[in-house]
């Protein structure tokens, strides 16, 4: 996907996963550990990658994420496989 000016939204991806759609019958939620518009972080997209919401912040990052996936039964829950810090999960506030 690209912004209106033609610039790619997603610059790079270290891991991508999918979870339960926000709306019943909708497209799966997409989770990304990577760079969006030049900012590395963990992101969620509810609209097939047209927009991305950052779900971490500079004070709460998790090291290198080897894998991630969304829960198929609970919208918004994401599981993160970290490098040496175990498996974490997070729910939206």
N, C-alpha and C. Protein backbone atom coordinates (compact mmCIF):
# COMPACT_ATOMS: atom_id res chain seq x y z
N UNK A 1 0.85 -1.18 0.00
CA UNK A 1 0.00 0.00 0.00
C UNK A 1 0.89 1.24 0.00
N UNK A 2 0.37 2.31 -0.58
CA UNK A 2 1.12 3.56 -0.63
C UNK A 2 0.26 4.71 -0.15
N UNK A 3 0.94 5.74 0.38
CA UNK A 3 0.26 6.96 0.76
C UNK A 3 -0.18 7.68 -0.52
N UNK A 4 -0.98 8.72 -0.36
CA UNK A 4 -1.48 9.46 -1.52
C UNK A 4 -0.36 10.02 -2.37
N UNK A 5 0.78 10.35 -1.75
CA UNK A 5 1.90 10.91 -2.51
C UNK A 5 2.75 9.82 -3.17
N UNK A 6 2.34 8.55 -3.06
CA UNK A 6 3.06 7.46 -3.70
C UNK A 6 4.12 6.82 -2.84
N UNK A 7 4.38 7.36 -1.64
CA UNK A 7 5.38 6.80 -0.74
C UNK A 7 4.82 5.55 -0.06
N UNK A 8 5.59 4.48 0.02
CA UNK A 8 5.08 3.29 0.69
C UNK A 8 4.82 3.54 2.17
N UNK A 9 3.72 3.01 2.69
CA UNK A 9 3.45 3.11 4.12
C UNK A 9 4.38 2.19 4.89
N UNK A 10 4.52 0.94 4.45
CA UNK A 10 5.37 -0.03 5.12
C UNK A 10 6.73 -0.03 4.41
N UNK A 11 7.76 0.34 5.17
CA UNK A 11 9.12 0.39 4.62
C UNK A 11 9.79 -0.98 4.68
N UNK A 12 9.57 -1.70 5.79
CA UNK A 12 10.17 -3.02 5.96
C UNK A 12 9.37 -3.80 6.98
N UNK A 13 9.53 -5.11 6.94
CA UNK A 13 8.82 -5.98 7.87
C UNK A 13 9.73 -7.08 8.37
N UNK A 14 9.78 -7.24 9.68
CA UNK A 14 10.51 -8.35 10.28
C UNK A 14 9.60 -9.52 10.54
N UNK A 15 8.32 -9.23 10.79
CA UNK A 15 7.33 -10.28 11.04
C UNK A 15 5.94 -9.73 10.73
N UNK A 16 5.08 -10.59 10.21
CA UNK A 16 3.70 -10.22 9.89
C UNK A 16 2.80 -11.34 10.38
N UNK A 17 1.65 -10.97 10.95
CA UNK A 17 0.68 -11.97 11.40
C UNK A 17 -0.73 -11.46 11.22
N UNK A 18 -1.70 -12.35 11.41
CA UNK A 18 -3.10 -12.02 11.18
C UNK A 18 -3.93 -12.44 12.38
N UNK A 19 -5.02 -11.69 12.63
CA UNK A 19 -5.90 -12.01 13.74
C UNK A 19 -7.36 -11.79 13.38
N UNK A 20 -8.21 -11.96 14.37
CA UNK A 20 -9.65 -11.82 14.18
C UNK A 20 -9.99 -10.45 13.61
N UNK A 21 -10.90 -10.40 12.63
CA UNK A 21 -11.31 -9.10 12.08
C UNK A 21 -11.99 -8.23 13.12
N UNK A 22 -11.92 -6.92 12.93
CA UNK A 22 -12.59 -5.98 13.83
C UNK A 22 -14.10 -6.13 13.71
N UNK A 23 -14.59 -6.34 12.48
CA UNK A 23 -16.02 -6.52 12.23
C UNK A 23 -16.28 -7.93 11.75
N UNK A 24 -17.36 -8.56 12.22
CA UNK A 24 -17.67 -9.92 11.77
C UNK A 24 -17.75 -9.98 10.24
N UNK A 25 -17.09 -10.96 9.66
CA UNK A 25 -17.09 -11.13 8.22
C UNK A 25 -16.12 -10.23 7.47
N UNK A 26 -15.39 -9.37 8.20
CA UNK A 26 -14.44 -8.46 7.57
C UNK A 26 -13.10 -9.12 7.30
N UNK A 27 -12.18 -8.33 6.79
CA UNK A 27 -10.83 -8.82 6.54
C UNK A 27 -10.11 -9.02 7.86
N UNK A 28 -9.19 -9.98 7.91
CA UNK A 28 -8.43 -10.19 9.15
C UNK A 28 -7.63 -8.95 9.52
N UNK A 29 -7.44 -8.77 10.81
CA UNK A 29 -6.55 -7.72 11.30
C UNK A 29 -5.12 -8.14 10.96
N UNK A 30 -4.30 -7.18 10.52
CA UNK A 30 -2.90 -7.45 10.17
C UNK A 30 -2.01 -6.85 11.25
N UNK A 31 -1.05 -7.63 11.73
CA UNK A 31 -0.06 -7.17 12.71
C UNK A 31 1.30 -7.16 12.03
N UNK A 32 2.10 -6.16 12.39
CA UNK A 32 3.40 -5.97 11.74
C UNK A 32 4.44 -5.57 12.76
N UNK A 33 5.58 -6.24 12.74
CA UNK A 33 6.78 -5.77 13.42
C UNK A 33 7.67 -5.26 12.31
N UNK A 34 7.80 -3.96 12.20
CA UNK A 34 8.55 -3.40 11.09
C UNK A 34 8.53 -1.89 11.11
N UNK A 35 8.79 -1.31 9.96
CA UNK A 35 8.90 0.13 9.83
C UNK A 35 7.75 0.66 8.97
N UNK A 36 7.02 1.61 9.52
CA UNK A 36 5.92 2.29 8.81
C UNK A 36 6.27 3.78 8.77
N UNK A 37 6.32 4.31 7.55
CA UNK A 37 6.67 5.73 7.35
C UNK A 37 7.95 6.10 8.09
N UNK A 38 8.93 5.19 8.08
CA UNK A 38 10.24 5.47 8.66
C UNK A 38 10.36 5.25 10.15
N UNK A 39 9.32 4.75 10.83
CA UNK A 39 9.35 4.55 12.28
C UNK A 39 9.21 3.06 12.58
N UNK A 40 10.26 2.48 13.20
CA UNK A 40 10.24 1.06 13.54
C UNK A 40 9.35 0.85 14.76
N UNK A 41 8.54 -0.19 14.74
CA UNK A 41 7.69 -0.50 15.87
C UNK A 41 6.80 -1.69 15.58
N UNK A 42 5.79 -1.85 16.42
CA UNK A 42 4.79 -2.90 16.27
C UNK A 42 3.47 -2.22 15.94
N UNK A 43 2.79 -2.69 14.90
CA UNK A 43 1.62 -2.01 14.37
C UNK A 43 0.47 -2.96 14.14
N UNK A 44 -0.74 -2.37 14.05
CA UNK A 44 -1.96 -3.11 13.71
C UNK A 44 -2.69 -2.35 12.62
N UNK A 45 -3.24 -3.09 11.66
CA UNK A 45 -4.08 -2.49 10.61
C UNK A 45 -5.40 -3.24 10.56
N UNK A 46 -6.49 -2.47 10.62
CA UNK A 46 -7.84 -3.04 10.54
C UNK A 46 -8.45 -2.86 9.16
N UNK A 47 -7.69 -2.25 8.23
CA UNK A 47 -8.24 -1.95 6.91
C UNK A 47 -7.32 -2.42 5.78
N UNK A 48 -6.86 -3.64 5.88
CA UNK A 48 -6.05 -4.30 4.86
C UNK A 48 -4.76 -3.54 4.55
N UNK A 49 -4.21 -2.86 5.54
CA UNK A 49 -2.94 -2.16 5.36
C UNK A 49 -3.03 -0.74 4.84
N UNK A 50 -4.24 -0.19 4.68
CA UNK A 50 -4.37 1.19 4.21
C UNK A 50 -3.87 2.18 5.27
N UNK A 51 -4.10 1.86 6.55
CA UNK A 51 -3.59 2.68 7.66
C UNK A 51 -3.03 1.74 8.73
N UNK A 52 -2.11 2.26 9.54
CA UNK A 52 -1.46 1.48 10.58
C UNK A 52 -1.51 2.24 11.89
N UNK A 53 -1.86 1.54 12.97
CA UNK A 53 -1.84 2.10 14.31
C UNK A 53 -0.69 1.47 15.08
N UNK A 54 0.16 2.31 15.65
CA UNK A 54 1.28 1.77 16.42
C UNK A 54 0.75 1.24 17.74
N UNK A 55 1.15 0.02 18.11
CA UNK A 55 0.66 -0.58 19.35
C UNK A 55 1.76 -0.75 20.39
N UNK A 56 2.93 -0.17 20.13
CA UNK A 56 3.96 -0.04 21.16
C UNK A 56 4.39 1.43 21.17
N UNK A 57 5.34 1.76 21.99
CA UNK A 57 5.89 3.11 21.99
C UNK A 57 7.38 3.02 22.32
N UNK A 58 8.13 4.11 22.19
CA UNK A 58 9.58 4.02 22.41
C UNK A 58 9.98 3.51 23.81
N UNK A 59 9.13 3.71 24.81
CA UNK A 59 9.44 3.24 26.16
C UNK A 59 9.03 1.79 26.39
N UNK A 60 8.23 1.22 25.48
CA UNK A 60 7.72 -0.15 25.67
C UNK A 60 7.89 -0.96 24.39
N UNK A 61 9.14 -1.26 24.08
CA UNK A 61 9.43 -2.13 22.95
C UNK A 61 9.92 -3.46 23.51
N UNK A 62 10.00 -4.46 22.68
CA UNK A 62 10.18 -5.82 23.18
C UNK A 62 11.40 -6.52 22.61
N UNK A 63 12.41 -5.77 22.20
CA UNK A 63 13.56 -6.40 21.58
C UNK A 63 13.21 -6.86 20.18
N UNK A 64 13.98 -7.78 19.65
CA UNK A 64 13.70 -8.28 18.31
C UNK A 64 12.55 -9.26 18.38
N UNK A 65 11.52 -9.01 17.58
CA UNK A 65 10.38 -9.92 17.51
C UNK A 65 10.62 -10.93 16.39
N UNK A 66 10.72 -12.18 16.76
CA UNK A 66 10.95 -13.23 15.77
C UNK A 66 9.67 -13.64 15.06
N UNK A 67 8.55 -13.49 15.76
CA UNK A 67 7.26 -13.82 15.16
C UNK A 67 6.16 -13.11 15.93
N UNK A 68 5.03 -12.91 15.29
CA UNK A 68 3.86 -12.38 15.95
C UNK A 68 2.63 -12.86 15.22
N UNK A 69 1.53 -12.93 15.94
CA UNK A 69 0.26 -13.32 15.34
C UNK A 69 -0.87 -12.78 16.19
N UNK A 70 -2.00 -12.59 15.58
CA UNK A 70 -3.18 -12.16 16.31
C UNK A 70 -4.00 -13.36 16.75
N UNK A 71 -4.78 -13.15 17.78
CA UNK A 71 -5.69 -14.18 18.26
C UNK A 71 -6.84 -14.32 17.27
N UNK A 72 -7.20 -15.53 16.94
CA UNK A 72 -8.28 -15.77 15.97
C UNK A 72 -9.66 -15.71 16.62
N UNK A 73 -9.72 -15.65 17.95
CA UNK A 73 -11.01 -15.64 18.64
C UNK A 73 -11.30 -14.34 19.37
N UNK A 74 -10.27 -13.51 19.61
CA UNK A 74 -10.46 -12.26 20.37
C UNK A 74 -9.82 -11.11 19.60
N UNK A 75 -10.64 -10.18 19.13
CA UNK A 75 -10.12 -9.04 18.35
C UNK A 75 -9.13 -8.24 19.18
N UNK A 76 -8.05 -7.87 18.54
CA UNK A 76 -7.07 -6.97 19.15
C UNK A 76 -5.97 -7.63 19.93
N UNK A 77 -6.14 -8.88 20.33
CA UNK A 77 -5.09 -9.56 21.09
C UNK A 77 -4.00 -10.01 20.13
N UNK A 78 -2.75 -9.69 20.50
CA UNK A 78 -1.60 -10.05 19.68
C UNK A 78 -0.60 -10.81 20.54
N UNK A 79 0.02 -11.82 19.96
CA UNK A 79 1.05 -12.62 20.62
C UNK A 79 2.39 -12.29 19.96
N UNK A 80 3.41 -12.06 20.79
CA UNK A 80 4.73 -11.63 20.32
C UNK A 80 5.78 -12.64 20.75
N UNK A 81 6.52 -13.18 19.81
CA UNK A 81 7.62 -14.10 20.11
C UNK A 81 8.92 -13.30 20.10
N UNK A 82 9.49 -13.08 21.27
CA UNK A 82 10.67 -12.22 21.40
C UNK A 82 11.95 -13.03 21.37
N UNK A 83 13.04 -12.33 21.16
CA UNK A 83 14.36 -12.95 21.16
C UNK A 83 14.92 -13.00 22.57
N UNK A 84 14.62 -14.06 23.32
CA UNK A 84 15.18 -14.22 24.65
C UNK A 84 14.34 -13.67 25.78
N UNK A 85 13.19 -13.09 25.49
CA UNK A 85 12.33 -12.54 26.54
C UNK A 85 11.00 -13.28 26.66
N UNK A 86 10.91 -14.41 26.01
CA UNK A 86 9.70 -15.22 26.11
C UNK A 86 8.64 -14.81 25.12
N UNK A 87 7.43 -15.29 25.37
CA UNK A 87 6.28 -14.97 24.54
C UNK A 87 5.38 -14.03 25.33
N UNK A 88 5.04 -12.93 24.72
CA UNK A 88 4.20 -11.92 25.37
C UNK A 88 2.88 -11.82 24.62
N UNK A 89 1.86 -11.30 25.29
CA UNK A 89 0.65 -10.98 24.55
C UNK A 89 0.13 -9.65 25.05
N UNK A 90 -0.63 -8.98 24.21
CA UNK A 90 -1.19 -7.69 24.58
C UNK A 90 -2.61 -7.57 24.07
N UNK A 91 -3.41 -6.82 24.82
CA UNK A 91 -4.79 -6.51 24.45
C UNK A 91 -4.92 -5.00 24.32
N UNK A 92 -5.81 -4.54 23.43
CA UNK A 92 -6.01 -3.09 23.31
C UNK A 92 -6.65 -2.53 24.58
N UNK A 93 -6.38 -1.27 24.82
CA UNK A 93 -7.00 -0.60 25.98
C UNK A 93 -8.34 -0.08 25.63
